[in-house]
Amino acid sequence: MPGLHTTTLGDSGPLVAFCHGLFGQGKNWTTIAKALAVDHRVLLVDMPNHGRSAWHDRFDYADVADEVAGLFSADDPVALVGHSMGGKAAMVLALRHPELVERLCVVDISPVDYHGLSEFAGFIEAMRGMDLGALERRSDADDALAGAVPNRTVRSFLLQNLRREGDGWAWQPNLEVLGRDLPVLGGWPEGDLAGAAPYPGKVLWVAGQTSPYVKDEYAAAMDRWFPQNRRVTVKNAGHWVHSEQPEVFLEVLRRFLDA
């Protein structure tokens, strides 16, 4: 059974790894990764139940964090970057395996329970409701999803998960499990972190100005688990800050990695 699918870029310098968010893939970070690969070794991870990585029968942040942790070594600690779901997984990894993480960059997510992800539930319902057998070309899928997902950018992002399989089409993410376990995805695994010490390394939070996922009211939780954090808010960006403002994001990340 396949495990985690990864892509590597660059062959020298410090190790940097990227964990994508819900419905993402490692390749979503390719533009940022290519820029960093000049002087870093970059690892792009397809998270469990996504991309070309293995499917599991449930979603659990501790399990995901431990599986991703298997990619790293204390002899070569990683600068770990995680967005949204991948950001929570990266935080849990740093708390459970601090010796593996040299520093941490969390992109537009906080260590809190968001009590439901209704927007994402709607996406999953729309994706599962599509008649894949009726699709002749990718543009048919765009038309079929347009009613439920009118935002063209979001729709294009979701449709990156549609792949050819034989004579038909299939979704890469495990929509059944992700849909069923959305409350877990939106939550924070406090129970799995019982006894865990705060992460002692440097932490950068990058938030989108118009996103609701990093708020002042979450600062106490951020400071509790990650006392050495600083926060940067990127103007004219929402939840997908690294794709909406890639040049600004890259500059902020580079400064953090070089500090």
C-alpha atoms as a PDB file:
ATOM      1  CA  MET A   1       0.000   0.000   0.000  1.00  0.00           C
ATOM      2  CA  PRO A   2       1.452   3.395  -0.940  1.00  0.00           C
ATOM      3  CA  GLY A   3       2.272   5.844   1.818  1.00  0.00           C
ATOM      4  CA  LEU A   4       2.964   9.532   1.379  1.00  0.00           C
ATOM      5  CA  HIS A   5       3.754  10.831  -2.084  1.00  0.00           C
ATOM      6  CA  THR A   6       6.468  13.499  -2.078  1.00  0.00           C
ATOM      7  CA  THR A   7       8.296  15.661  -4.597  1.00  0.00           C
ATOM      8  CA  THR A   8      11.780  17.065  -4.037  1.00  0.00           C
ATOM      9  CA  LEU A   9      13.406  20.166  -5.485  1.00  0.00           C
ATOM     10  CA  GLY A  10      16.890  21.530  -4.870  1.00  0.00           C
ATOM     11  CA  ASP A  11      19.920  19.553  -3.736  1.00  0.00           C
ATOM     12  CA  SER A  12      21.699  21.753  -1.205  1.00  0.00           C
ATOM     13  CA  GLY A  13      20.966  23.983   1.743  1.00  0.00           C
ATOM     14  CA  PRO A  14      18.564  23.672   4.681  1.00  0.00           C
ATOM     15  CA  LEU A  15      15.537  21.399   4.400  1.00  0.00           C
ATOM     16  CA  VAL A  16      12.102  23.019   3.946  1.00  0.00           C
ATOM     17  CA  ALA A  17       8.876  21.002   3.688  1.00  0.00           C
ATOM     18  CA  PHE A  18       5.364  22.108   2.724  1.00  0.00           C
ATOM     19  CA  CYS A  19       2.062  20.663   3.950  1.00  0.00           C
ATOM     20  CA  HIS A  20      -0.979  21.737   1.924  1.00  0.00           C
ATOM     21  CA  GLY A  21      -4.535  22.360   3.057  1.00  0.00           C
ATOM     22  CA  LEU A  22      -7.835  20.583   2.465  1.00  0.00           C
ATOM     23  CA  PHE A  23      -8.325  19.624  -1.223  1.00  0.00           C
ATOM     24  CA  GLY A  24      -4.729  20.624  -1.929  1.00  0.00           C
ATOM     25  CA  GLN A  25      -1.700  18.756  -3.255  1.00  0.00           C
ATOM     26  CA  GLY A  26       2.009  19.182  -2.783  1.00  0.00           C
ATOM     27  CA  LYS A  27       2.297  20.613  -6.281  1.00  0.00           C
ATOM     28  CA  ASN A  28       0.199  23.615  -5.205  1.00  0.00           C
ATOM     29  CA  TRP A  29       3.442  24.914  -3.662  1.00  0.00           C
ATOM     30  CA  THR A  30       5.551  24.444  -6.818  1.00  0.00           C
ATOM     31  CA  THR A  31       6.070  28.143  -7.618  1.00  0.00           C
ATOM     32  CA  ILE A  32       7.211  28.936  -4.073  1.00  0.00           C
ATOM     33  CA  ALA A  33       9.299  25.757  -3.966  1.00  0.00           C
ATOM     34  CA  LYS A  34      11.145  26.507  -7.208  1.00  0.00           C
ATOM     35  CA  ALA A  35      12.105  29.935  -5.904  1.00  0.00           C
ATOM     36  CA  LEU A  36      13.434  28.442  -2.649  1.00  0.00           C
ATOM     37  CA  ALA A  37      15.182  25.496  -4.332  1.00  0.00           C
ATOM     38  CA  VAL A  38      18.054  27.761  -5.397  1.00  0.00           C
ATOM     39  CA  ASP A  39      19.457  27.542  -1.870  1.00  0.00           C
ATOM     40  CA  HIS A  40      17.237  25.005  -0.055  1.00  0.00           C
ATOM     41  CA  ARG A  41      16.258  21.367  -0.293  1.00  0.00           C
ATOM     42  CA  VAL A  42      12.492  21.483  -0.685  1.00  0.00           C
ATOM     43  CA  LEU A  43      10.034  18.673  -0.007  1.00  0.00           C
ATOM     44  CA  LEU A  44       6.424  18.891  -1.212  1.00  0.00           C
ATOM     45  CA  VAL A  45       4.103  16.462   0.569  1.00  0.00           C
ATOM     46  CA  ASP A  46       0.777  15.096  -0.629  1.00  0.00           C
ATOM     47  CA  MET A  47      -1.022  14.795   2.701  1.00  0.00           C
ATOM     48  CA  PRO A  48      -2.891  11.567   3.561  1.00  0.00           C
ATOM     49  CA  ASN A  49      -6.225  11.197   1.722  1.00  0.00           C
ATOM     50  CA  HIS A  50      -5.039  13.719  -0.886  1.00  0.00           C
ATOM     51  CA  GLY A  51      -3.150  13.800  -4.171  1.00  0.00           C
ATOM     52  CA  ARG A  52      -1.224  10.610  -4.817  1.00  0.00           C
ATOM     53  CA  SER A  53      -0.877   9.644  -1.155  1.00  0.00           C
ATOM     54  CA  ALA A  54      -2.680   6.712   0.445  1.00  0.00           C
ATOM     55  CA  TRP A  55      -6.262   6.862   1.680  1.00  0.00           C
ATOM     56  CA  HIS A  56      -7.127   5.959   5.276  1.00  0.00           C
ATOM     57  CA  ASP A  57     -10.409   5.036   6.924  1.00  0.00           C
ATOM     58  CA  ARG A  58     -10.472   8.133   9.142  1.00  0.00           C
ATOM     59  CA  PHE A  59      -8.909  11.546   9.574  1.00  0.00           C
ATOM     60  CA  ASP A  60      -6.973  12.227  12.765  1.00  0.00           C
ATOM     61  CA  TYR A  61      -4.452  15.042  13.246  1.00  0.00           C
ATOM     62  CA  ALA A  62      -2.166  13.014  15.515  1.00  0.00           C
ATOM     63  CA  ASP A  63      -2.058  10.164  12.985  1.00  0.00           C
ATOM     64  CA  VAL A  64      -1.404  12.587  10.115  1.00  0.00           C
ATOM     65  CA  ALA A  65       1.310  14.395  12.053  1.00  0.00           C
ATOM     66  CA  ASP A  66       3.029  11.148  13.011  1.00  0.00           C
ATOM     67  CA  GLU A  67       2.889   9.869   9.428  1.00  0.00           C
ATOM     68  CA  VAL A  68       4.439  13.066   8.053  1.00  0.00           C
ATOM     69  CA  ALA A  69       7.005  13.019  10.879  1.00  0.00           C
ATOM     70  CA  GLY A  70       8.287   9.745   9.418  1.00  0.00           C
ATOM     71  CA  LEU A  71       9.733  11.762   6.519  1.00  0.00           C
ATOM     72  CA  PHE A  72      12.156  13.636   8.782  1.00  0.00           C
ATOM     73  CA  SER A  73      15.153  13.013  11.010  1.00  0.00           C
ATOM     74  CA  ALA A  74      16.439  14.729  14.133  1.00  0.00           C
ATOM     75  CA  ASP A  75      19.847  14.742  12.420  1.00  0.00           C
ATOM     76  CA  ASP A  76      18.423  16.983   9.667  1.00  0.00           C
ATOM     77  CA  PRO A  77      15.583  19.003  11.256  1.00  0.00           C
ATOM     78  CA  VAL A  78      13.122  20.646   8.898  1.00  0.00           C
ATOM     79  CA  ALA A  79      11.712  24.123   8.480  1.00  0.00           C
ATOM     80  CA  LEU A  80       8.074  23.120   8.244  1.00  0.00           C
ATOM     81  CA  VAL A  81       5.459  25.190   6.394  1.00  0.00           C
ATOM     82  CA  GLY A  82       1.776  24.288   6.629  1.00  0.00           C
ATOM     83  CA  HIS A  83      -1.392  25.903   5.287  1.00  0.00           C
ATOM     84  CA  SER A  84      -4.869  25.428   6.764  1.00  0.00           C
ATOM     85  CA  MET A  85      -5.322  21.673   7.437  1.00  0.00           C
ATOM     86  CA  GLY A  86      -1.616  21.243   6.718  1.00  0.00           C
ATOM     87  CA  GLY A  87      -0.872  24.040   9.166  1.00  0.00           C
ATOM     88  CA  LYS A  88      -2.706  22.247  11.959  1.00  0.00           C
ATOM     89  CA  ALA A  89      -0.926  19.011  11.086  1.00  0.00           C
ATOM     90  CA  ALA A  90       2.407  20.858  11.108  1.00  0.00           C
ATOM     91  CA  MET A  91       1.636  22.390  14.509  1.00  0.00           C
ATOM     92  CA  VAL A  92       0.732  18.997  15.968  1.00  0.00           C
ATOM     93  CA  LEU A  93       3.899  17.500  14.465  1.00  0.00           C
ATOM     94  CA  ALA A  94       6.051  20.216  16.038  1.00  0.00           C
ATOM     95  CA  LEU A  95       4.412  19.651  19.431  1.00  0.00           C
ATOM     96  CA  ARG A  96       4.661  15.845  19.303  1.00  0.00           C
ATOM     97  CA  HIS A  97       8.108  15.682  17.639  1.00  0.00           C
ATOM     98  CA  PRO A  98       9.888  18.988  18.404  1.00  0.00           C
ATOM     99  CA  GLU A  99      13.298  17.470  17.728  1.00  0.00           C
ATOM    100  CA  LEU A 100      12.368  17.098  14.041  1.00  0.00           C
ATOM    101  CA  VAL A 101      11.297  20.712  13.452  1.00  0.00           C
ATOM    102  CA  GLU A 102      13.929  23.433  13.307  1.00  0.00           C
ATOM    103  CA  ARG A 103      11.293  26.163  12.834  1.00  0.00           C
ATOM    104  CA  LEU A 104       7.634  26.405  11.856  1.00  0.00           C
ATOM    105  CA  CYS A 105       5.609  28.624   9.516  1.00  0.00           C
ATOM    106  CA  VAL A 106       1.821  28.398   9.914  1.00  0.00           C
ATOM    107  CA  VAL A 107      -0.250  29.835   7.073  1.00  0.00           C
ATOM    108  CA  ASP A 108      -3.723  31.177   7.861  1.00  0.00           C
ATOM    109  CA  ILE A 109      -4.910  28.780  10.552  1.00  0.00           C
ATOM    110  CA  SER A 110      -4.880  28.786  14.368  1.00  0.00           C
ATOM    111  CA  PRO A 111      -4.646  26.075  17.058  1.00  0.00           C
ATOM    112  CA  VAL A 112      -8.369  26.297  17.861  1.00  0.00           C
ATOM    113  CA  ASP A 113     -11.624  24.469  17.180  1.00  0.00           C
ATOM    114  CA  TYR A 114     -13.553  26.286  14.455  1.00  0.00           C
ATOM    115  CA  HIS A 115     -16.787  24.378  15.207  1.00  0.00           C
ATOM    116  CA  GLY A 116     -17.665  23.311  11.701  1.00  0.00           C
ATOM    117  CA  LEU A 117     -16.532  24.128   8.199  1.00  0.00           C
ATOM    118  CA  SER A 118     -19.820  24.694   6.396  1.00  0.00           C
ATOM    119  CA  GLU A 119     -18.205  26.198   3.305  1.00  0.00           C
ATOM    120  CA  PHE A 120     -16.025  23.129   2.842  1.00  0.00           C
ATOM    121  CA  ALA A 121     -18.978  20.825   3.509  1.00  0.00           C
ATOM    122  CA  GLY A 122     -20.709  22.497   0.583  1.00  0.00           C
ATOM    123  CA  PHE A 123     -17.689  21.911  -1.640  1.00  0.00           C
ATOM    124  CA  ILE A 124     -17.577  18.217  -0.748  1.00  0.00           C
ATOM    125  CA  GLU A 125     -21.309  17.811  -1.336  1.00  0.00           C
ATOM    126  CA  ALA A 126     -20.979  19.451  -4.758  1.00  0.00           C
ATOM    127  CA  MET A 127     -17.947  17.356  -5.724  1.00  0.00           C
ATOM    128  CA  ARG A 128     -19.555  14.095  -4.615  1.00  0.00           C
ATOM    129  CA  GLY A 129     -22.783  15.044  -6.374  1.00  0.00           C
ATOM    130  CA  MET A 130     -21.162  15.385  -9.793  1.00  0.00           C
ATOM    131  CA  ASP A 131     -21.918  12.644 -12.304  1.00  0.00           C
ATOM    132  CA  LEU A 132     -18.351  11.779 -13.277  1.00  0.00           C
ATOM    133  CA  GLY A 133     -19.583   9.241 -15.810  1.00  0.00           C
ATOM    134  CA  ALA A 134     -21.237  12.001 -17.798  1.00  0.00           C
ATOM    135  CA  LEU A 135     -18.040  14.038 -18.217  1.00  0.00           C
ATOM    136  CA  GLU A 136     -16.369  13.967 -21.612  1.00  0.00           C
ATOM    137  CA  ARG A 137     -13.816  16.689 -20.954  1.00  0.00           C
ATOM    138  CA  ARG A 138     -12.547  18.760 -18.042  1.00  0.00           C
ATOM    139  CA  SER A 139     -14.576  21.786 -19.140  1.00  0.00           C
ATOM    140  CA  ASP A 140     -17.732  19.724 -18.540  1.00  0.00           C
ATOM    141  CA  ALA A 141     -16.703  19.402 -14.905  1.00  0.00           C
ATOM    142  CA  ASP A 142     -16.238  23.153 -14.636  1.00  0.00           C
ATOM    143  CA  ASP A 143     -19.750  23.691 -15.994  1.00  0.00           C
ATOM    144  CA  ALA A 144     -21.188  21.059 -13.651  1.00  0.00           C
ATOM    145  CA  LEU A 145     -19.597  22.633 -10.571  1.00  0.00           C
ATOM    146  CA  ALA A 146     -20.334  26.262 -11.472  1.00  0.00           C
ATOM    147  CA  GLY A 147     -23.754  26.385  -9.808  1.00  0.00           C
ATOM    148  CA  ALA A 148     -22.541  25.137  -6.429  1.00  0.00           C
ATOM    149  CA  VAL A 149     -19.135  26.875  -6.562  1.00  0.00           C
ATOM    150  CA  PRO A 150     -19.584  30.177  -8.415  1.00  0.00           C
ATOM    151  CA  ASN A 151     -16.130  31.511  -7.504  1.00  0.00           C
ATOM    152  CA  ARG A 152     -13.985  30.663 -10.535  1.00  0.00           C
ATOM    153  CA  THR A 153     -10.717  30.637  -8.573  1.00  0.00           C
ATOM    154  CA  VAL A 154     -12.037  28.248  -5.923  1.00  0.00           C
ATOM    155  CA  ARG A 155     -13.668  26.068  -8.588  1.00  0.00           C
ATOM    156  CA  SER A 156     -10.397  25.842 -10.516  1.00  0.00           C
ATOM    157  CA  PHE A 157      -8.584  24.875  -7.302  1.00  0.00           C
ATOM    158  CA  LEU A 158     -11.086  22.100  -6.570  1.00  0.00           C
ATOM    159  CA  LEU A 159     -10.947  20.789 -10.134  1.00  0.00           C
ATOM    160  CA  GLN A 160      -7.184  20.264  -9.859  1.00  0.00           C
ATOM    161  CA  ASN A 161      -8.219  17.198  -7.859  1.00  0.00           C
ATOM    162  CA  LEU A 162     -10.028  15.621 -10.824  1.00  0.00           C
ATOM    163  CA  ARG A 163      -7.864  13.092 -12.654  1.00  0.00           C
ATOM    164  CA  ARG A 164      -8.233  10.778 -15.594  1.00  0.00           C
ATOM    165  CA  GLU A 165      -8.705   7.145 -14.591  1.00  0.00           C
ATOM    166  CA  GLY A 166      -8.935   4.784 -17.537  1.00  0.00           C
ATOM    167  CA  ASP A 167     -11.721   6.017 -19.773  1.00  0.00           C
ATOM    168  CA  GLY A 168     -13.320   8.057 -16.996  1.00  0.00           C
ATOM    169  CA  TRP A 169     -12.640  10.497 -14.189  1.00  0.00           C
ATOM    170  CA  ALA A 170     -12.023  10.196 -10.449  1.00  0.00           C
ATOM    171  CA  TRP A 171     -11.466  12.514  -7.511  1.00  0.00           C
ATOM    172  CA  GLN A 172      -8.021  12.277  -5.897  1.00  0.00           C
ATOM    173  CA  PRO A 173      -9.092  13.201  -2.344  1.00  0.00           C
ATOM    174  CA  ASN A 174     -10.945  10.716  -0.163  1.00  0.00           C
ATOM    175  CA  LEU A 175     -14.151  12.757  -0.196  1.00  0.00           C
ATOM    176  CA  GLU A 176     -16.141  10.260   1.851  1.00  0.00           C
ATOM    177  CA  VAL A 177     -13.753  10.323   4.822  1.00  0.00           C
ATOM    178  CA  LEU A 178     -12.982  14.042   4.577  1.00  0.00           C
ATOM    179  CA  GLY A 179     -16.682  14.869   4.456  1.00  0.00           C
ATOM    180  CA  ARG A 180     -17.548  12.593   7.365  1.00  0.00           C
ATOM    181  CA  ASP A 181     -14.646  13.838   9.498  1.00  0.00           C
ATOM    182  CA  LEU A 182     -14.969  17.578   8.781  1.00  0.00           C
ATOM    183  CA  PRO A 183     -15.622  18.277  12.491  1.00  0.00           C
ATOM    184  CA  VAL A 184     -12.222  16.707  13.230  1.00  0.00           C
ATOM    185  CA  LEU A 185     -10.596  18.734  10.443  1.00  0.00           C
ATOM    186  CA  GLY A 186     -12.038  21.929  11.894  1.00  0.00           C
ATOM    187  CA  GLY A 187     -11.106  20.997  15.441  1.00  0.00           C
ATOM    188  CA  TRP A 188      -7.921  21.030  17.492  1.00  0.00           C
ATOM    189  CA  PRO A 189      -6.705  17.713  19.012  1.00  0.00           C
ATOM    190  CA  GLU A 190      -6.256  18.875  22.585  1.00  0.00           C
ATOM    191  CA  GLY A 191      -6.554  15.316  23.917  1.00  0.00           C
ATOM    192  CA  ASP A 192      -3.702  14.047  21.735  1.00  0.00           C
ATOM    193  CA  LEU A 193      -1.457  16.779  23.108  1.00  0.00           C
ATOM    194  CA  ALA A 194      -1.960  16.009  26.807  1.00  0.00           C
ATOM    195  CA  GLY A 195       1.386  16.442  28.495  1.00  0.00           C
ATOM    196  CA  ALA A 196       2.997  18.029  25.447  1.00  0.00           C
ATOM    197  CA  ALA A 197       5.274  20.965  26.175  1.00  0.00           C
ATOM    198  CA  PRO A 198       5.013  24.203  24.202  1.00  0.00           C
ATOM    199  CA  TYR A 199       7.113  24.127  21.027  1.00  0.00           C
ATOM    200  CA  PRO A 200      10.387  25.963  21.814  1.00  0.00           C
ATOM    201  CA  GLY A 201      11.426  26.932  18.276  1.00  0.00           C
ATOM    202  CA  LYS A 202      10.765  29.977  16.131  1.00  0.00           C
ATOM    203  CA  VAL A 203       7.254  30.231  14.697  1.00  0.00           C
ATOM    204  CA  LEU A 204       5.901  32.562  12.033  1.00  0.00           C
ATOM    205  CA  TRP A 205       2.171  33.040  11.484  1.00  0.00           C
ATOM    206  CA  VAL A 206       1.171  34.367   8.058  1.00  0.00           C
ATOM    207  CA  ALA A 207      -2.455  35.463   7.853  1.00  0.00           C
ATOM    208  CA  GLY A 208      -4.572  36.821   5.032  1.00  0.00           C
ATOM    209  CA  GLN A 209      -6.087  40.224   5.833  1.00  0.00           C
ATOM    210  CA  THR A 210      -9.611  39.226   4.780  1.00  0.00           C
ATOM    211  CA  SER A 211      -9.508  35.700   6.213  1.00  0.00           C
ATOM    212  CA  PRO A 212     -11.369  34.774   9.409  1.00  0.00           C
ATOM    213  CA  TYR A 213      -8.953  32.034  10.478  1.00  0.00           C
ATOM    214  CA  VAL A 214      -6.356  34.077  12.397  1.00  0.00           C
ATOM    215  CA  LYS A 215      -7.989  36.514  14.838  1.00  0.00           C
ATOM    216  CA  ASP A 216      -6.775  38.458  17.858  1.00  0.00           C
ATOM    217  CA  GLU A 217      -8.992  36.279  20.052  1.00  0.00           C
ATOM    218  CA  TYR A 218      -6.930  33.228  19.034  1.00  0.00           C
ATOM    219  CA  ALA A 219      -3.646  34.811  20.165  1.00  0.00           C
ATOM    220  CA  ALA A 220      -3.819  33.228  23.625  1.00  0.00           C
ATOM    221  CA  ALA A 221      -3.909  29.730  22.139  1.00  0.00           C
ATOM    222  CA  MET A 222      -1.095  30.590  19.734  1.00  0.00           C
ATOM    223  CA  ASP A 223       1.054  31.974  22.551  1.00  0.00           C
ATOM    224  CA  ARG A 224       0.271  29.028  24.823  1.00  0.00           C
ATOM    225  CA  TRP A 225       1.525  26.390  22.407  1.00  0.00           C
ATOM    226  CA  PHE A 226       4.072  28.465  20.473  1.00  0.00           C
ATOM    227  CA  PRO A 227       5.568  31.130  22.762  1.00  0.00           C
ATOM    228  CA  GLN A 228       8.239  32.196  20.247  1.00  0.00           C
ATOM    229  CA  ASN A 229       5.770  33.272  17.562  1.00  0.00           C
ATOM    230  CA  ARG A 230       5.396  36.430  15.570  1.00  0.00           C
ATOM    231  CA  ARG A 231       2.513  37.262  13.262  1.00  0.00           C
ATOM    232  CA  VAL A 232       2.399  38.852   9.820  1.00  0.00           C
ATOM    233  CA  THR A 233      -0.821  39.838   8.048  1.00  0.00           C
ATOM    234  CA  VAL A 234      -0.714  40.079   4.251  1.00  0.00           C
ATOM    235  CA  LYS A 235      -2.896  42.790   2.734  1.00  0.00           C
ATOM    236  CA  ASN A 236      -5.373  42.000  -0.049  1.00  0.00           C
ATOM    237  CA  ALA A 237      -5.259  38.281   0.686  1.00  0.00           C
ATOM    238  CA  GLY A 238      -7.751  35.774   2.020  1.00  0.00           C
ATOM    239  CA  HIS A 239      -7.343  32.194   3.195  1.00  0.00           C
ATOM    240  CA  TRP A 240      -5.154  31.115   0.240  1.00  0.00           C
ATOM    241  CA  VAL A 241      -2.653  33.880   0.999  1.00  0.00           C
ATOM    242  CA  HIS A 242       0.309  32.152  -0.674  1.00  0.00           C
ATOM    243  CA  SER A 243      -1.511  31.853  -4.011  1.00  0.00           C
ATOM    244  CA  GLU A 244      -3.260  35.233  -3.800  1.00  0.00           C
ATOM    245  CA  GLN A 245      -0.092  37.185  -2.935  1.00  0.00           C
ATOM    246  CA  PRO A 246       2.769  34.823  -3.877  1.00  0.00           C
ATOM    247  CA  GLU A 247       5.517  37.429  -4.149  1.00  0.00           C
ATOM    248  CA  VAL A 248       4.731  38.955  -0.768  1.00  0.00           C
ATOM    249  CA  PHE A 249       4.385  35.523   0.821  1.00  0.00           C
ATOM    250  CA  LEU A 250       7.719  34.380  -0.616  1.00  0.00           C
ATOM    251  CA  GLU A 251       9.498  37.477   0.687  1.00  0.00           C
ATOM    252  CA  VAL A 252       8.010  37.020   4.180  1.00  0.00           C
ATOM    253  CA  LEU A 253       8.896  33.313   4.211  1.00  0.00           C
ATOM    254  CA  ARG A 254      12.454  33.919   2.963  1.00  0.00           C
ATOM    255  CA  ARG A 255      13.113  36.426   5.728  1.00  0.00           C
ATOM    256  CA  PHE A 256      11.854  33.944   8.297  1.00  0.00           C
ATOM    257  CA  LEU A 257      13.936  31.077   6.921  1.00  0.00           C
ATOM    258  CA  ASP A 258      17.069  33.231   6.851  1.00  0.00           C
ATOM    259  CA  ALA A 259      16.596  34.771  10.306  1.00  0.00           C
END
